[in-house]
Protein backbone atom coordinates (compact mmCIF):
# COMPACT_ATOMS: atom_id res chain seq x y z
CA MET A 1 122.31 -8.32 11.16
CA LYS A 2 124.19 -11.23 10.26
CA ALA A 3 127.20 -11.41 8.32
CA GLY A 4 125.35 -13.84 5.94
CA PRO A 5 122.39 -12.59 5.73
CA PHE A 6 123.29 -9.28 5.03
CA ILE A 7 126.10 -10.64 2.24
CA PHE A 8 122.86 -11.71 0.07
CA LEU A 9 120.50 -8.33 0.70
CA ARG A 10 123.33 -6.63 -0.25
CA THR A 11 124.14 -8.91 -3.23
CA MET A 12 120.28 -8.99 -3.77
CA HIS A 13 120.78 -5.17 -4.26
CA ALA A 14 123.61 -5.49 -6.05
CA TRP A 15 122.60 -7.35 -9.33
CA GLY A 16 118.79 -6.73 -8.95
CA GLY A 17 120.27 -2.99 -9.39
CA ALA A 18 122.03 -3.56 -12.53
CA LEU A 19 119.78 -5.77 -14.11
CA LEU A 20 116.72 -2.64 -14.00
CA GLY A 21 119.61 0.04 -13.50
CA LEU A 22 118.57 0.85 -17.03
CA TRP A 23 115.25 0.72 -16.35
CA VAL A 24 114.77 3.31 -13.43
CA LEU A 25 117.67 5.78 -15.16
CA LEU A 26 115.06 5.68 -17.99
CA VAL A 27 111.38 6.57 -16.49
CA SER A 28 113.88 8.67 -14.62
CA VAL A 29 114.27 11.16 -17.05
CA SER A 30 111.73 10.43 -19.24
CA GLY A 31 108.86 11.27 -16.39
CA THR A 32 111.31 13.72 -15.30
CA LEU A 33 110.66 15.84 -18.48
CA LEU A 34 106.66 13.99 -18.29
CA VAL A 35 106.37 16.57 -14.75
CA TRP A 36 106.80 19.62 -18.06
CA LYS A 37 104.51 18.78 -20.77
CA GLN A 38 101.66 21.22 -20.44
CA ASP A 39 104.66 23.80 -19.72
CA TYR A 40 105.92 22.30 -22.82
CA LEU A 41 102.91 22.65 -24.92
CA ARG A 42 102.11 25.97 -23.76
CA ALA A 43 105.29 27.33 -24.27
CA SER A 44 105.20 25.57 -28.10
CA ILE A 45 100.90 26.34 -29.75
CA PRO A 46 100.39 29.42 -29.25
CA GLN A 47 97.02 28.06 -28.73
CA ALA A 48 97.71 27.12 -25.27
CA ARG A 49 99.17 30.35 -23.92
CA GLU A 50 96.13 32.15 -25.11
CA VAL A 51 93.34 33.65 -22.44
CA PHE A 52 90.18 31.40 -20.90
CA GLU A 53 87.78 31.83 -18.68
CA PRO A 54 86.23 27.95 -18.57
CA SER A 55 82.42 29.08 -17.94
CA PRO A 56 79.67 26.58 -18.68
CA GLN A 57 79.24 28.91 -21.72
CA ALA A 58 82.90 28.62 -23.42
CA LEU A 59 82.57 24.66 -21.95
CA ALA A 60 78.93 23.39 -23.47
CA HIS A 61 80.22 25.75 -26.88
CA ILE A 62 83.50 23.85 -26.75
CA ALA A 63 81.54 20.41 -26.30
CA SER A 64 79.48 21.30 -29.07
CA ALA A 65 82.24 21.94 -31.46
CA VAL A 66 83.98 18.65 -30.56
CA GLU A 67 80.44 16.69 -31.31
CA GLN A 68 79.85 17.92 -34.46
CA ARG A 69 83.91 18.08 -35.62
CA PHE A 70 84.07 14.16 -34.23
CA GLY A 71 81.07 12.92 -34.01
CA PRO A 72 79.43 11.27 -31.21
CA ASP A 73 80.60 7.50 -31.80
CA ASP A 74 83.83 8.71 -31.99
CA ILE A 75 83.97 10.19 -29.48
CA LEU A 76 86.23 8.50 -25.98
CA GLN A 77 86.33 11.70 -23.98
CA ILE A 78 87.55 15.77 -24.39
CA GLU A 79 89.48 16.89 -21.61
CA PHE A 80 88.75 20.56 -21.03
CA ALA A 81 90.91 23.47 -21.64
CA THR A 82 90.94 25.01 -17.71
CA ALA A 83 92.26 29.32 -17.50
CA ASP A 84 96.24 28.06 -16.83
CA PHE A 85 96.01 25.92 -20.40
CA ALA A 86 93.44 26.83 -22.87
CA LEU A 87 93.79 23.46 -25.15
CA THR A 88 91.00 20.75 -24.75
CA ARG A 89 92.77 17.66 -25.50
CA VAL A 90 89.62 15.31 -27.23
CA THR A 91 91.05 11.04 -26.98
CA LEU A 92 89.21 9.28 -30.28
CA LEU A 93 88.96 5.38 -30.77
CA ASP A 94 91.61 3.82 -33.43
CA ASP A 95 93.85 5.18 -30.81
CA ARG A 96 93.81 8.90 -32.29
CA TYR A 97 93.81 12.25 -30.75
CA ALA A 98 92.93 16.32 -30.78
CA TYR A 99 93.88 19.92 -29.84
CA VAL A 100 91.00 22.19 -29.79
CA ASP A 101 91.69 25.94 -29.06
CA ALA A 102 88.76 27.81 -26.35
CA ARG A 103 86.46 28.66 -29.85
CA GLY A 104 86.19 25.20 -31.30
CA ASN A 105 88.90 24.85 -33.21
CA VAL A 106 91.06 22.07 -34.16
CA VAL A 107 94.01 23.06 -34.09
CA THR A 108 96.01 19.69 -34.38
CA GLU A 109 95.55 15.93 -34.84
CA TRP A 110 97.34 13.22 -34.40
CA VAL A 111 97.43 9.42 -34.30
CA LEU A 112 98.78 7.57 -31.11
CA ASN A 113 103.25 8.54 -31.07
CA ASP A 114 103.27 11.24 -33.88
CA ARG A 115 103.66 13.99 -31.32
CA TRP A 116 106.42 13.41 -29.54
CA GLU A 117 105.93 13.95 -25.81
CA GLU A 118 103.11 11.92 -26.84
CA TRP A 119 106.25 9.44 -27.85
CA LEU A 120 107.81 10.35 -24.40
CA TYR A 121 104.93 8.99 -22.31
CA ASP A 122 104.88 5.37 -24.21
CA LEU A 123 108.10 5.20 -23.31
CA HIS A 124 107.78 5.85 -19.73
CA HIS A 125 104.30 3.77 -19.71
CA ARG A 126 104.75 0.39 -22.04
CA LEU A 127 108.19 1.20 -22.68
CA LEU A 128 106.38 1.08 -26.49
CA LEU A 129 105.30 -1.94 -26.31
CA GLY A 130 101.63 -1.46 -25.86
CA ASN A 131 100.13 -3.66 -22.88
CA LEU A 132 102.97 -5.99 -22.53
CA GLY A 133 105.11 -3.51 -22.46
CA LEU A 134 102.97 -1.98 -19.55
CA THR A 135 103.18 -5.34 -17.28
CA LEU A 136 107.15 -5.45 -17.78
CA ALA A 137 106.83 -1.87 -15.80
CA GLY A 138 104.47 -1.92 -13.27
CA LEU A 139 106.89 -5.95 -12.42
CA ALA A 140 110.23 -3.63 -12.72
CA ALA A 141 108.02 -0.95 -10.53
CA LEU A 142 107.52 -3.60 -8.03
CA ILE A 143 110.83 -5.39 -7.99
CA VAL A 144 112.60 -1.96 -7.56
CA ILE A 145 111.06 -1.33 -4.85
CA VAL A 146 111.77 -4.13 -3.91
CA LEU A 147 115.98 -3.60 -3.89
CA VAL A 148 115.01 0.27 -2.41
CA VAL A 149 114.28 -1.31 0.22
CA THR A 150 116.70 -3.63 0.68
CA GLY A 151 119.19 -0.75 0.59
CA ILE A 152 118.59 1.05 3.24
CA VAL A 153 118.65 -2.42 5.35
CA VAL A 154 122.70 -2.45 3.61
CA TYR A 155 122.87 1.47 3.94
CA TRP A 156 122.38 1.46 7.16
CA PRO A 157 126.08 0.04 9.06
CA MET A 158 127.45 1.87 7.43
CA ARG A 159 125.53 5.04 7.83
CA ARG A 160 128.66 7.90 9.07
CA GLY A 161 129.27 7.54 4.97
CA LEU A 162 126.62 10.71 4.81
CA ARG A 163 129.43 12.87 6.07
CA GLN A 164 131.06 12.43 3.03
CA GLY A 165 128.56 13.80 1.01
CA PHE A 166 126.54 13.18 -2.27
CA TRP A 167 128.87 13.47 -4.76
CA PRO A 168 132.48 11.29 -5.65
CA ASN A 169 136.02 12.48 -5.62
CA GLY A 170 136.40 10.87 -8.07
CA PHE A 171 135.60 7.65 -10.09
CA ALA A 172 137.21 5.03 -8.13
CA ARG A 173 134.94 2.48 -7.71
CA ALA A 174 134.53 3.19 -3.22
CA GLN A 175 133.45 6.97 -4.58
CA LEU A 176 131.07 5.64 -6.74
CA LEU A 177 129.02 3.35 -4.53
CA ARG A 178 129.83 6.31 -1.63
CA ALA A 179 127.35 8.65 -3.67
CA HIS A 180 124.94 5.43 -4.18
CA ARG A 181 124.88 5.18 -0.92
CA ASN A 182 123.93 8.49 0.70
CA ILE A 183 121.95 10.26 -3.23
CA GLY A 184 120.00 6.75 -2.54
CA ILE A 185 119.73 7.45 1.21
CA VAL A 186 118.29 10.08 1.01
CA GLU A 187 116.18 9.91 -2.21
CA ALA A 188 114.33 6.80 -1.25
CA LEU A 189 111.49 8.16 -0.09
CA LEU A 190 110.39 9.65 -2.87
CA LEU A 191 111.03 7.11 -4.83
CA LEU A 192 109.00 4.87 -3.00
CA LEU A 193 106.28 7.05 -3.64
CA SER A 194 107.23 7.19 -7.20
CA LEU A 195 107.68 3.35 -7.31
CA THR A 196 104.41 2.58 -5.55
CA THR A 197 102.34 4.94 -8.07
CA GLY A 198 103.28 3.77 -11.43
CA ALA A 199 102.44 -0.02 -10.31
CA VAL A 200 99.52 1.22 -8.81
CA LEU A 201 98.85 2.81 -12.58
CA ALA A 202 100.17 0.55 -14.17
CA PHE A 203 97.71 -2.42 -12.74
CA PRO A 204 94.66 -0.70 -12.06
CA GLU A 205 91.97 -3.85 -11.86
CA GLN A 206 94.39 -5.41 -9.87
CA SER A 207 94.82 -2.90 -7.75
CA GLN A 208 91.42 -2.31 -7.34
CA GLN A 209 90.54 -5.16 -6.40
CA TRP A 210 93.58 -5.47 -3.69
CA LEU A 211 92.87 -2.25 -2.79
CA LEU A 212 89.46 -0.41 -3.08
CA GLU A 213 87.15 -4.05 -3.94
CA PRO A 214 87.24 -5.29 0.13
CA TRP A 215 85.64 -1.82 1.46
CA ARG A 216 83.23 -1.94 -0.88
CA ASP A 217 79.52 -2.51 0.09
CA GLU A 218 76.16 -2.07 -0.82
CA SER A 219 76.22 1.46 0.46
CA TYR A 220 78.85 2.17 -2.15
CA SER A 221 76.19 2.15 -5.86
CA LEU A 222 73.65 3.64 -3.49
CA ASP A 223 75.49 6.64 -2.70
CA PHE A 224 75.39 6.90 -6.46
CA SER A 225 71.40 7.43 -6.32
CA GLU A 226 71.20 10.06 -4.32
CA HIS A 227 70.71 13.68 -4.75
CA LEU A 228 69.10 13.72 -8.49
CA ASP A 229 68.02 17.16 -9.00
CA GLY A 230 64.52 15.72 -10.70
CA ILE A 231 64.85 18.00 -13.92
CA SER A 232 63.41 16.36 -17.33
CA GLY A 233 62.13 18.01 -20.62
CA PRO A 234 62.90 19.18 -23.57
CA GLY A 235 66.67 20.71 -23.53
CA THR A 236 68.04 19.98 -19.67
CA ALA A 237 69.88 17.30 -21.60
CA ASP A 238 72.09 19.80 -23.88
CA TRP A 239 75.55 20.60 -22.73
CA LEU A 240 75.01 24.29 -21.51
CA PRO A 241 71.89 23.39 -19.07
CA ALA A 242 73.59 19.61 -18.18
CA MET A 243 76.66 21.21 -17.60
CA GLN A 244 74.97 24.19 -14.97
CA ARG A 245 73.02 21.22 -13.33
CA ALA A 246 76.28 19.51 -12.98
CA LEU A 247 77.42 22.48 -10.76
CA ARG A 248 74.54 23.36 -8.99
CA SER A 249 74.77 19.50 -7.92
CA MET A 250 78.26 19.60 -6.47
CA PRO A 251 78.85 23.16 -5.28
CA GLY A 252 82.58 24.31 -5.85
CA SER A 253 82.90 22.36 -8.27
CA ARG A 254 84.36 22.75 -11.73
CA ILE A 255 84.28 21.05 -14.67
CA ARG A 256 87.09 18.73 -16.00
CA THR A 257 85.90 15.97 -18.60
CA ALA A 258 82.95 14.76 -20.40
CA GLN A 259 81.78 12.12 -22.26
CA VAL A 260 79.20 12.39 -25.28
CA ALA A 261 75.92 10.10 -25.83
CA ASN A 262 76.32 8.21 -28.39
CA ALA A 263 75.90 4.15 -29.69
CA TYR A 264 77.40 3.12 -26.40
CA SER A 265 76.40 5.37 -23.95
CA PRO A 266 72.93 6.86 -23.57
CA HIS A 267 74.41 9.41 -20.96
CA ARG A 268 76.39 12.95 -21.00
CA ILE A 269 78.63 11.97 -18.64
CA ILE A 270 80.25 15.01 -16.88
CA GLY A 271 82.97 14.87 -14.59
CA LEU A 272 84.17 18.14 -12.10
CA GLN A 273 86.85 18.15 -9.48
CA GLN A 274 85.64 19.43 -6.36
CA PRO A 275 87.54 21.16 -3.55
CA GLY A 276 89.59 19.61 -1.59
CA GLU A 277 90.56 16.96 -4.53
CA TRP A 278 93.17 16.30 -5.83
CA ASN A 279 92.84 14.52 -9.07
CA PRO A 280 92.73 17.01 -12.18
CA GLN A 281 90.25 14.49 -14.04
CA GLY A 282 86.83 14.71 -12.99
CA LEU A 283 86.17 11.73 -11.20
CA SER A 284 83.17 13.55 -9.06
CA LYS A 285 80.19 12.70 -12.21
CA ILE A 286 77.02 13.65 -13.20
CA TYR A 287 75.15 11.11 -16.08
CA ILE A 288 72.56 13.17 -17.46
CA ASP A 289 70.35 10.94 -20.30
CA ALA A 290 70.16 12.62 -23.35
CA ALA A 291 67.18 12.02 -24.48
CA ASP A 292 64.80 12.80 -21.85
CA GLY A 293 67.02 15.14 -19.25
CA ASP A 294 66.89 12.48 -16.44
CA MET A 295 70.10 12.61 -14.55
CA ASP A 296 70.24 9.31 -13.55
CA VAL A 297 73.59 9.12 -11.44
CA ARG A 298 75.30 11.39 -9.63
CA MET A 299 79.09 10.18 -7.89
CA ASP A 300 80.20 12.34 -5.72
CA MET A 301 83.91 11.20 -4.89
CA ARG A 302 84.39 13.29 -1.72
CA ILE A 303 81.76 11.15 0.30
CA GLN A 304 83.82 8.21 -0.25
CA ARG A 305 85.38 5.92 2.12
CA THR A 306 89.07 7.42 2.78
CA ILE A 307 90.96 4.54 1.11
CA GLU A 308 88.84 5.79 -1.77
CA ARG A 309 89.90 8.99 -1.52
CA MET A 310 93.86 7.96 -1.14
CA TYR A 311 93.73 5.72 -4.31
CA ASN A 312 92.46 8.85 -6.19
CA ALA A 313 95.54 10.96 -5.53
CA VAL A 314 97.39 8.38 -7.35
CA TYR A 315 97.68 9.89 -10.07
CA PRO A 316 98.34 13.03 -9.58
CA LEU A 317 100.69 12.64 -7.11
CA HIS A 318 102.82 10.44 -9.82
CA THR A 319 102.87 12.60 -12.75
CA GLY A 320 102.65 15.80 -10.42
CA ARG A 321 99.21 17.83 -11.67
CA LEU A 322 98.90 18.43 -8.76
CA GLU A 323 98.49 22.71 -9.51
CA PHE A 324 101.11 22.94 -6.86
CA LEU A 325 104.77 23.78 -8.76
CA PRO A 326 106.96 22.82 -5.61
CA TYR A 327 105.43 20.01 -6.27
CA LYS A 328 106.70 19.21 -9.17
CA LEU A 329 110.02 20.89 -8.95
CA LEU A 330 110.73 18.44 -6.06
CA LEU A 331 109.34 15.60 -8.31
CA THR A 332 111.75 17.20 -10.65
CA LEU A 333 114.28 16.55 -7.75
CA SER A 334 113.79 13.39 -7.14
CA GLY A 335 113.87 12.58 -10.98
CA MET A 336 116.91 14.12 -11.33
CA LEU A 337 118.75 11.77 -8.40
CA ALA A 338 117.01 8.59 -9.64
CA ALA A 339 118.85 9.11 -12.59
CA THR A 340 122.15 10.27 -11.09
CA LEU A 341 121.90 6.69 -8.70
CA SER A 342 121.12 4.38 -10.95
CA ILE A 343 124.56 5.60 -13.28
CA PHE A 344 126.82 5.66 -10.37
CA GLY A 345 124.98 2.18 -9.24
CA LEU A 346 126.10 1.01 -12.73
CA THR A 347 129.31 2.05 -12.94
CA SER A 348 130.33 0.67 -9.90
CA PHE A 349 128.47 -2.62 -10.80
CA VAL A 350 131.01 -2.24 -14.51
CA LYS A 351 133.94 -1.70 -13.09
CA SER A 352 133.33 -4.40 -9.82
CA ARG A 353 133.19 -7.42 -12.73
CA PHE A 354 135.92 -5.43 -14.49
CA ARG A 355 138.24 -5.60 -11.93
CA ARG A 356 137.30 -9.71 -11.15
């Protein structure tokens, strides 16, 4: 590469990293902690550690108890307990939330950031600034993606420095820069994965419009009206029969979420995670009319295009919710490396300014 473009890329990388280095440090540390959020809750809330079998009978009882306790019109979503985490999370109107135990009893209720782990999530995701913070975080992720790519380019002529290791022998600027470069080249792919998936989550509407809509045609919505079970009548929409019908419709799946019928929707919506699906939020869905019991919609995510299934994998890849411990450990290592990368880069930049 010619000297002019190389110097420009190096300068752009240095100044861009200096401007966004604190943001990288913030999201890497907070994101690393959030990877272990459920483990923290399991350790701090005894009900989360209870033995629980997520059978249709148990989940139907929880759904009925939640509906009775909070009222249908206040409930946005129920995220059911699992065998590994025996708390059900209820999302309510007006930024209210609750955890419910395996018997349907409310363990705790809170508003927005009243719990510290929720405050940490809001800091990581929205910088405590609401939708504005979400937009800023998404834009920062896109800019840092460019900085990572430029970092790879400017590293290449100095690639032999990798032999000198990843930790500085002192606090001289040259030592800090060498460690920054070597950590960066090793961390680059994992950092790009976290940044890209984070940007997609920060701009869900735009990313769906750009990535998914061009591939969706008439068959996309027609798929949702196939293989309905044809059952209807009194009692067929109650929670237990509705869940049993959902499981029969998608054999081998696990019930993950539910939405209640209320003034906003006439359906009980049951979210299922099918074998081979990474996303734990139950993106395959069954819509059952609460009045007459008709199964009106059956959304099977496994039959969707590859691009759709890849998009649905963004959330678990970013958050580590893959039920796979080695991946959580890998994300933890990546977060620690990103924080160290930021510290070394910022320190060396500040040293260069003071030296001048």
